[in-house]
């Protein structure tokens, strides 16, 4: 999932992903942006609300959500050949 560029837009729990370019309403998003300023500034709008892995997380693609208790969530991106 390091280079995933598909159109999956729901987390592994079925929560719709939040668009990457929207305002950062939650503390987790602000903390993540502070830890990865080089990444958050270059996230293109075409990411839309698709699952992505901009920080090369070994757990795979993820996205932000609107759920306060689950500010980010990993996505079930199928492996090649599945």
PDB file of N, CA and C in Angstrom:
ATOM      1  N   UNK A   1       0.787  -1.219   0.000  1.00  0.00           N
ATOM      2  CA  UNK A   1       0.000   0.000   0.000  1.00  0.00           C
ATOM      3  C   UNK A   1       0.818   1.267   0.000  1.00  0.00           C
ATOM      4  N   UNK A   2       2.134   1.163  -0.166  1.00  0.00           N
ATOM      5  CA  UNK A   2       2.954   2.378  -0.126  1.00  0.00           C
ATOM      6  C   UNK A   2       2.665   3.315  -1.293  1.00  0.00           C
ATOM      7  N   UNK A   3       2.350   2.772  -2.437  1.00  0.00           N
ATOM      8  CA  UNK A   3       2.104   3.608  -3.606  1.00  0.00           C
ATOM      9  C   UNK A   3       0.680   3.532  -4.106  1.00  0.00           C
ATOM     10  N   UNK A   4      -0.269   3.188  -3.248  1.00  0.00           N
ATOM     11  CA  UNK A   4      -1.656   3.026  -3.668  1.00  0.00           C
ATOM     12  C   UNK A   4      -2.205   4.304  -4.291  1.00  0.00           C
ATOM     13  N   UNK A   5      -2.838   4.183  -5.452  1.00  0.00           N
ATOM     14  CA  UNK A   5      -3.419   5.360  -6.113  1.00  0.00           C
ATOM     15  C   UNK A   5      -4.812   5.060  -6.664  1.00  0.00           C
ATOM     16  N   UNK A   6      -5.524   4.116  -6.032  1.00  0.00           N
ATOM     17  CA  UNK A   6      -6.870   3.769  -6.462  1.00  0.00           C
ATOM     18  C   UNK A   6      -7.918   4.739  -5.939  1.00  0.00           C
ATOM     19  N   UNK A   7      -9.168   4.339  -6.036  1.00  0.00           N
ATOM     20  CA  UNK A   7     -10.263   5.241  -5.685  1.00  0.00           C
ATOM     21  C   UNK A   7     -11.069   4.792  -4.467  1.00  0.00           C
ATOM     22  N   UNK A   8     -10.522   3.902  -3.647  1.00  0.00           N
ATOM     23  CA  UNK A   8     -11.202   3.498  -2.421  1.00  0.00           C
ATOM     24  C   UNK A   8     -11.368   4.719  -1.535  1.00  0.00           C
ATOM     25  N   UNK A   9     -12.583   4.944  -1.052  1.00  0.00           N
ATOM     26  CA  UNK A   9     -12.842   6.140  -0.250  1.00  0.00           C
ATOM     27  C   UNK A   9     -13.584   5.849   1.056  1.00  0.00           C
ATOM     28  N   UNK A  10     -13.433   4.614   1.541  1.00  0.00           N
ATOM     29  CA  UNK A  10     -14.018   4.224   2.822  1.00  0.00           C
ATOM     30  C   UNK A  10     -12.965   3.518   3.656  1.00  0.00           C
ATOM     31  N   UNK A  11     -12.995   3.784   4.968  1.00  0.00           N
ATOM     32  CA  UNK A  11     -12.037   3.146   5.869  1.00  0.00           C
ATOM     33  C   UNK A  11     -12.384   1.668   6.025  1.00  0.00           C
ATOM     34  N   UNK A  12     -11.532   0.948   6.728  1.00  0.00           N
ATOM     35  CA  UNK A  12     -11.765  -0.481   6.929  1.00  0.00           C
ATOM     36  C   UNK A  12     -13.031  -0.749   7.726  1.00  0.00           C
ATOM     37  N   UNK A  13     -13.524   0.239   8.453  1.00  0.00           N
ATOM     38  CA  UNK A  13     -14.767   0.084   9.209  1.00  0.00           C
ATOM     39  C   UNK A  13     -15.974   0.628   8.439  1.00  0.00           C
ATOM     40  N   UNK A  14     -15.754   1.040   7.194  1.00  0.00           N
ATOM     41  CA  UNK A  14     -16.856   1.518   6.362  1.00  0.00           C
ATOM     42  C   UNK A  14     -17.190   2.987   6.514  1.00  0.00           C
ATOM     43  N   UNK A  15     -16.328   3.736   7.168  1.00  0.00           N
ATOM     44  CA  UNK A  15     -16.547   5.166   7.351  1.00  0.00           C
ATOM     45  C   UNK A  15     -16.058   5.907   6.106  1.00  0.00           C
ATOM     46  N   UNK A  16     -16.875   6.836   5.596  1.00  0.00           N
ATOM     47  CA  UNK A  16     -16.461   7.597   4.421  1.00  0.00           C
ATOM     48  C   UNK A  16     -15.281   8.501   4.774  1.00  0.00           C
ATOM     49  N   UNK A  17     -14.281   8.499   3.921  1.00  0.00           N
ATOM     50  CA  UNK A  17     -13.092   9.324   4.135  1.00  0.00           C
ATOM     51  C   UNK A  17     -13.397  10.799   3.921  1.00  0.00           C
ATOM     52  N   UNK A  18     -12.675  11.628   4.638  1.00  0.00           N
ATOM     53  CA  UNK A  18     -12.797  13.077   4.522  1.00  0.00           C
ATOM     54  C   UNK A  18     -11.840  13.561   3.435  1.00  0.00           C
ATOM     55  N   UNK A  19     -12.252  14.542   2.660  1.00  0.00           N
ATOM     56  CA  UNK A  19     -11.398  15.073   1.600  1.00  0.00           C
ATOM     57  C   UNK A  19     -10.102  15.630   2.196  1.00  0.00           C
ATOM     58  N   UNK A  20      -9.006  15.325   1.545  1.00  0.00           N
ATOM     59  CA  UNK A  20      -7.681  15.711   2.041  1.00  0.00           C
ATOM     60  C   UNK A  20      -7.492  17.220   2.095  1.00  0.00           C
ATOM     61  N   UNK A  21      -8.107  17.948   1.188  1.00  0.00           N
ATOM     62  CA  UNK A  21      -7.860  19.381   1.106  1.00  0.00           C
ATOM     63  C   UNK A  21      -8.775  20.207   2.002  1.00  0.00           C
ATOM     64  N   UNK A  22      -9.675  19.584   2.733  1.00  0.00           N
ATOM     65  CA  UNK A  22     -10.584  20.327   3.592  1.00  0.00           C
ATOM     66  C   UNK A  22      -9.851  20.825   4.831  1.00  0.00           C
ATOM     67  N   UNK A  23     -10.507  21.713   5.540  1.00  0.00           N
ATOM     68  CA  UNK A  23      -9.920  22.264   6.768  1.00  0.00           C
ATOM     69  C   UNK A  23      -9.655  21.142   7.759  1.00  0.00           C
ATOM     70  N   UNK A  24      -8.702  21.338   8.619  1.00  0.00           N
ATOM     71  CA  UNK A  24      -8.319  20.328   9.599  1.00  0.00           C
ATOM     72  C   UNK A  24      -9.075  20.584  10.912  1.00  0.00           C
ATOM     73  N   UNK A  25     -10.255  19.988  11.069  1.00  0.00           N
ATOM     74  CA  UNK A  25     -11.058  20.310  12.252  1.00  0.00           C
ATOM     75  C   UNK A  25     -10.634  19.599  13.529  1.00  0.00           C
ATOM     76  N   UNK A  26      -9.846  18.559  13.429  1.00  0.00           N
ATOM     77  CA  UNK A  26      -9.534  17.779  14.615  1.00  0.00           C
ATOM     78  C   UNK A  26      -8.079  17.924  15.017  1.00  0.00           C
ATOM     79  N   UNK A  27      -7.832  17.776  16.298  1.00  0.00           N
ATOM     80  CA  UNK A  27      -6.481  17.893  16.843  1.00  0.00           C
ATOM     81  C   UNK A  27      -5.536  16.905  16.195  1.00  0.00           C
ATOM     82  N   UNK A  28      -5.988  15.668  15.936  1.00  0.00           N
ATOM     83  CA  UNK A  28      -5.086  14.678  15.348  1.00  0.00           C
ATOM     84  C   UNK A  28      -4.563  15.163  14.004  1.00  0.00           C
ATOM     85  N   UNK A  29      -5.436  15.738  13.187  1.00  0.00           N
ATOM     86  CA  UNK A  29      -5.011  16.225  11.884  1.00  0.00           C
ATOM     87  C   UNK A  29      -3.988  17.347  12.042  1.00  0.00           C
ATOM     88  N   UNK A  30      -4.183  18.210  13.029  1.00  0.00           N
ATOM     89  CA  UNK A  30      -3.240  19.299  13.257  1.00  0.00           C
ATOM     90  C   UNK A  30      -1.898  18.750  13.724  1.00  0.00           C
ATOM     91  N   UNK A  31      -1.922  17.761  14.601  1.00  0.00           N
ATOM     92  CA  UNK A  31      -0.680  17.144  15.070  1.00  0.00           C
ATOM     93  C   UNK A  31       0.032  16.476  13.906  1.00  0.00           C
ATOM     94  N   UNK A  32      -0.721  15.719  13.088  1.00  0.00           N
ATOM     95  CA  UNK A  32      -0.117  15.036  11.944  1.00  0.00           C
ATOM     96  C   UNK A  32       0.491  16.055  10.991  1.00  0.00           C
ATOM     97  N   UNK A  33      -0.209  17.125  10.728  1.00  0.00           N
ATOM     98  CA  UNK A  33       0.298  18.156   9.818  1.00  0.00           C
ATOM     99  C   UNK A  33       1.572  18.785  10.379  1.00  0.00           C
ATOM    100  N   UNK A  34       1.631  18.971  11.692  1.00  0.00           N
ATOM    101  CA  UNK A  34       2.834  19.535  12.300  1.00  0.00           C
ATOM    102  C   UNK A  34       4.008  18.570  12.213  1.00  0.00           C
ATOM    103  N   UNK A  35       3.737  17.276  12.306  1.00  0.00           N
ATOM    104  CA  UNK A  35       4.801  16.278  12.234  1.00  0.00           C
ATOM    105  C   UNK A  35       5.260  16.032  10.796  1.00  0.00           C
ATOM    106  N   UNK A  36       4.398  16.328   9.827  1.00  0.00           N
ATOM    107  CA  UNK A  36       4.689  16.056   8.419  1.00  0.00           C
ATOM    108  C   UNK A  36       4.418  17.288   7.546  1.00  0.00           C
ATOM    109  N   UNK A  37       4.999  18.429   7.874  1.00  0.00           N
ATOM    110  CA  UNK A  37       4.686  19.638   7.111  1.00  0.00           C
ATOM    111  C   UNK A  37       5.075  19.538   5.642  1.00  0.00           C
ATOM    112  N   UNK A  38       6.101  18.770   5.357  1.00  0.00           N
ATOM    113  CA  UNK A  38       6.531  18.622   3.970  1.00  0.00           C
ATOM    114  C   UNK A  38       5.529  17.813   3.158  1.00  0.00           C
ATOM    115  N   UNK A  39       4.790  16.917   3.816  1.00  0.00           N
ATOM    116  CA  UNK A  39       3.824  16.075   3.120  1.00  0.00           C
ATOM    117  C   UNK A  39       2.480  16.786   2.985  1.00  0.00           C
ATOM    118  N   UNK A  40       1.979  17.361   4.068  1.00  0.00           N
ATOM    119  CA  UNK A  40       0.650  17.966   4.049  1.00  0.00           C
ATOM    120  C   UNK A  40       0.595  19.123   3.054  1.00  0.00           C
ATOM    121  N   UNK A  41       1.704  19.811   2.834  1.00  0.00           N
ATOM    122  CA  UNK A  41       1.708  20.948   1.914  1.00  0.00           C
ATOM    123  C   UNK A  41       1.693  20.529   0.458  1.00  0.00           C
ATOM    124  N   UNK A  42       2.040  19.279   0.187  1.00  0.00           N
ATOM    125  CA  UNK A  42       2.097  18.856  -1.211  1.00  0.00           C
ATOM    126  C   UNK A  42       1.016  17.845  -1.567  1.00  0.00           C
ATOM    127  N   UNK A  43       0.067  17.611  -0.670  1.00  0.00           N
ATOM    128  CA  UNK A  43      -1.014  16.682  -0.987  1.00  0.00           C
ATOM    129  C   UNK A  43      -1.904  17.333  -2.036  1.00  0.00           C
ATOM    130  N   UNK A  44      -1.969  16.759  -3.226  1.00  0.00           N
ATOM    131  CA  UNK A  44      -2.746  17.375  -4.299  1.00  0.00           C
ATOM    132  C   UNK A  44      -4.252  17.209  -4.111  1.00  0.00           C
ATOM    133  N   UNK A  45      -5.015  18.146  -4.657  1.00  0.00           N
ATOM    134  CA  UNK A  45      -6.462  18.082  -4.546  1.00  0.00           C
ATOM    135  C   UNK A  45      -7.019  16.823  -5.189  1.00  0.00           C
ATOM    136  N   UNK A  46      -6.320  16.270  -6.174  1.00  0.00           N
ATOM    137  CA  UNK A  46      -6.845  15.078  -6.821  1.00  0.00           C
ATOM    138  C   UNK A  46      -6.835  13.860  -5.897  1.00  0.00           C
ATOM    139  N   UNK A  47      -6.271  13.976  -4.704  1.00  0.00           N
ATOM    140  CA  UNK A  47      -6.405  12.899  -3.720  1.00  0.00           C
ATOM    141  C   UNK A  47      -7.875  12.764  -3.325  1.00  0.00           C
ATOM    142  N   UNK A  48      -8.652  13.847  -3.502  1.00  0.00           N
ATOM    143  CA  UNK A  48     -10.064  13.849  -3.136  1.00  0.00           C
ATOM    144  C   UNK A  48     -10.230  13.290  -1.736  1.00  0.00           C
ATOM    145  N   UNK A  49     -11.087  12.308  -1.595  1.00  0.00           N
ATOM    146  CA  UNK A  49     -11.212  11.654  -0.290  1.00  0.00           C
ATOM    147  C   UNK A  49     -10.785  10.192  -0.389  1.00  0.00           C
ATOM    148  N   UNK A  50      -9.875   9.901  -1.312  1.00  0.00           N
ATOM    149  CA  UNK A  50      -9.401   8.539  -1.514  1.00  0.00           C
ATOM    150  C   UNK A  50      -8.389   8.140  -0.436  1.00  0.00           C
ATOM    151  N   UNK A  51      -8.363   6.868  -0.123  1.00  0.00           N
ATOM    152  CA  UNK A  51      -7.367   6.342   0.799  1.00  0.00           C
ATOM    153  C   UNK A  51      -5.985   6.524   0.169  1.00  0.00           C
ATOM    154  N   UNK A  52      -5.046   7.007   0.953  1.00  0.00           N
ATOM    155  CA  UNK A  52      -3.690   7.242   0.478  1.00  0.00           C
ATOM    156  C   UNK A  52      -2.701   6.921   1.587  1.00  0.00           C
ATOM    157  N   UNK A  53      -1.435   6.928   1.239  1.00  0.00           N
ATOM    158  CA  UNK A  53      -0.376   6.661   2.207  1.00  0.00           C
ATOM    159  C   UNK A  53       0.721   7.711   2.032  1.00  0.00           C
ATOM    160  N   UNK A  54       0.416   8.984   2.327  1.00  0.00           N
ATOM    161  CA  UNK A  54       1.380  10.052   2.072  1.00  0.00           C
ATOM    162  C   UNK A  54       2.609  10.029   2.963  1.00  0.00           C
ATOM    163  N   UNK A  55       2.530   9.321   4.091  1.00  0.00           N
ATOM    164  CA  UNK A  55       3.673   9.274   5.010  1.00  0.00           C
ATOM    165  C   UNK A  55       4.355   7.909   5.011  1.00  0.00           C
ATOM    166  N   UNK A  56       4.094   7.086   3.985  1.00  0.00           N
ATOM    167  CA  UNK A  56       4.707   5.757   3.864  1.00  0.00           C
ATOM    168  C   UNK A  56       4.501   4.893   5.103  1.00  0.00           C
ATOM    169  N   UNK A  57       3.306   4.963   5.671  1.00  0.00           N
ATOM    170  CA  UNK A  57       2.954   4.174   6.849  1.00  0.00           C
ATOM    171  C   UNK A  57       2.996   2.698   6.474  1.00  0.00           C
ATOM    172  N   UNK A  58       3.727   1.903   7.215  1.00  0.00           N
ATOM    173  CA  UNK A  58       3.863   0.478   6.916  1.00  0.00           C
ATOM    174  C   UNK A  58       2.549  -0.288   7.097  1.00  0.00           C
ATOM    175  N   UNK A  59       1.575   0.330   7.789  1.00  0.00           N
ATOM    176  CA  UNK A  59       0.268  -0.303   7.954  1.00  0.00           C
ATOM    177  C   UNK A  59      -0.620  -0.094   6.734  1.00  0.00           C
ATOM    178  N   UNK A  60      -0.163   0.712   5.788  1.00  0.00           N
ATOM    179  CA  UNK A  60      -0.887   0.881   4.542  1.00  0.00           C
ATOM    180  C   UNK A  60      -1.651   2.179   4.424  1.00  0.00           C
ATOM    181  N   UNK A  61      -2.427   2.298   3.355  1.00  0.00           N
ATOM    182  CA  UNK A  61      -3.205   3.513   3.105  1.00  0.00           C
ATOM    183  C   UNK A  61      -4.213   3.790   4.219  1.00  0.00           C
ATOM    184  N   UNK A  62      -4.511   5.057   4.382  1.00  0.00           N
ATOM    185  CA  UNK A  62      -5.412   5.496   5.429  1.00  0.00           C
ATOM    186  C   UNK A  62      -6.099   6.775   4.972  1.00  0.00           C
ATOM    187  N   UNK A  63      -7.014   7.274   5.801  1.00  0.00           N
ATOM    188  CA  UNK A  63      -7.657   8.556   5.510  1.00  0.00           C
ATOM    189  C   UNK A  63      -8.153   9.174   6.806  1.00  0.00           C
ATOM    190  N   UNK A  64      -8.473  10.467   6.734  1.00  0.00           N
ATOM    191  CA  UNK A  64      -9.083  11.159   7.863  1.00  0.00           C
ATOM    192  C   UNK A  64     -10.580  10.911   7.820  1.00  0.00           C
ATOM    193  N   UNK A  65     -11.233  10.946   8.995  1.00  0.00           N
ATOM    194  CA  UNK A  65     -12.680  10.769   9.067  1.00  0.00           C
ATOM    195  C   UNK A  65     -13.297  11.935   9.838  1.00  0.00           C
ATOM    196  N   UNK A  66     -14.624  12.007   9.825  1.00  0.00           N
ATOM    197  CA  UNK A  66     -15.350  13.026  10.589  1.00  0.00           C
ATOM    198  C   UNK A  66     -15.722  12.541  11.984  1.00  0.00           C
ATOM    199  N   UNK A  67     -15.320  11.344  12.338  1.00  0.00           N
ATOM    200  CA  UNK A  67     -15.678  10.779  13.634  1.00  0.00           C
ATOM    201  C   UNK A  67     -14.608  11.158  14.655  1.00  0.00           C
ATOM    202  N   UNK A  68     -15.015  11.864  15.703  1.00  0.00           N
ATOM    203  CA  UNK A  68     -14.053  12.392  16.668  1.00  0.00           C
ATOM    204  C   UNK A  68     -13.255  11.303  17.382  1.00  0.00           C
ATOM    205  N   UNK A  69     -13.822  10.134  17.569  1.00  0.00           N
ATOM    206  CA  UNK A  69     -13.111   9.057  18.250  1.00  0.00           C
ATOM    207  C   UNK A  69     -12.254   8.239  17.293  1.00  0.00           C
ATOM    208  N   UNK A  70     -12.333   8.555  16.012  1.00  0.00           N
ATOM    209  CA  UNK A  70     -11.570   7.831  14.997  1.00  0.00           C
ATOM    210  C   UNK A  70     -11.125   8.859  13.945  1.00  0.00           C
ATOM    211  N   UNK A  71     -10.200   9.702  14.307  1.00  0.00           N
ATOM    212  CA  UNK A  71      -9.808  10.821  13.458  1.00  0.00           C
ATOM    213  C   UNK A  71      -9.118  10.367  12.166  1.00  0.00           C
ATOM    214  N   UNK A  72      -8.431   9.251  12.230  1.00  0.00           N
ATOM    215  CA  UNK A  72      -7.868   8.649  11.022  1.00  0.00           C
ATOM    216  C   UNK A  72      -8.106   7.157  11.099  1.00  0.00           C
ATOM    217  N   UNK A  73      -8.223   6.538   9.942  1.00  0.00           N
ATOM    218  CA  UNK A  73      -8.517   5.119   9.912  1.00  0.00           C
ATOM    219  C   UNK A  73      -7.826   4.503   8.707  1.00  0.00           C
ATOM    220  N   UNK A  74      -7.300   3.307   8.895  1.00  0.00           N
ATOM    221  CA  UNK A  74      -6.690   2.590   7.780  1.00  0.00           C
ATOM    222  C   UNK A  74      -7.779   2.065   6.850  1.00  0.00           C
ATOM    223  N   UNK A  75      -7.386   1.788   5.628  1.00  0.00           N
ATOM    224  CA  UNK A  75      -8.308   1.312   4.605  1.00  0.00           C
ATOM    225  C   UNK A  75      -7.958  -0.115   4.213  1.00  0.00           C
ATOM    226  N   UNK A  76      -8.964  -0.869   3.839  1.00  0.00           N
ATOM    227  CA  UNK A  76      -8.749  -2.249   3.364  1.00  0.00           C
ATOM    228  C   UNK A  76      -8.492  -2.229   1.877  1.00  0.00           C
ATOM    229  N   UNK A  77      -7.299  -1.875   1.510  1.00  0.00           N
ATOM    230  CA  UNK A  77      -6.922  -1.861   0.101  1.00  0.00           C
ATOM    231  C   UNK A  77      -6.554  -3.284  -0.288  1.00  0.00           C
ATOM    232  N   UNK A  78      -7.201  -3.844  -1.308  1.00  0.00           N
ATOM    233  CA  UNK A  78      -6.879  -5.220  -1.696  1.00  0.00           C
ATOM    234  C   UNK A  78      -5.464  -5.321  -2.244  1.00  0.00           C
ATOM    235  N   UNK A  79      -4.830  -6.438  -1.947  1.00  0.00           N
ATOM    236  CA  UNK A  79      -3.483  -6.685  -2.462  1.00  0.00           C
ATOM    237  C   UNK A  79      -3.566  -7.002  -3.937  1.00  0.00           C
ATOM    238  N   UNK A  80      -2.506  -6.760  -4.663  1.00  0.00           N
ATOM    239  CA  UNK A  80      -2.467  -7.075  -6.085  1.00  0.00           C
ATOM    240  C   UNK A  80      -2.828  -8.548  -6.293  1.00  0.00           C
ATOM    241  N   UNK A  81      -3.696  -8.806  -7.238  1.00  0.00           N
ATOM    242  CA  UNK A  81      -4.095 -10.157  -7.532  1.00  0.00           C
ATOM    243  C   UNK A  81      -5.303 -10.636  -6.775  1.00  0.00           C
ATOM    244  N   UNK A  82      -5.793  -9.845  -5.805  1.00  0.00           N
ATOM    245  CA  UNK A  82      -6.978 -10.247  -5.050  1.00  0.00           C
ATOM    246  C   UNK A  82      -8.240  -9.765  -5.744  1.00  0.00           C
TER     247      UNK A  82
END
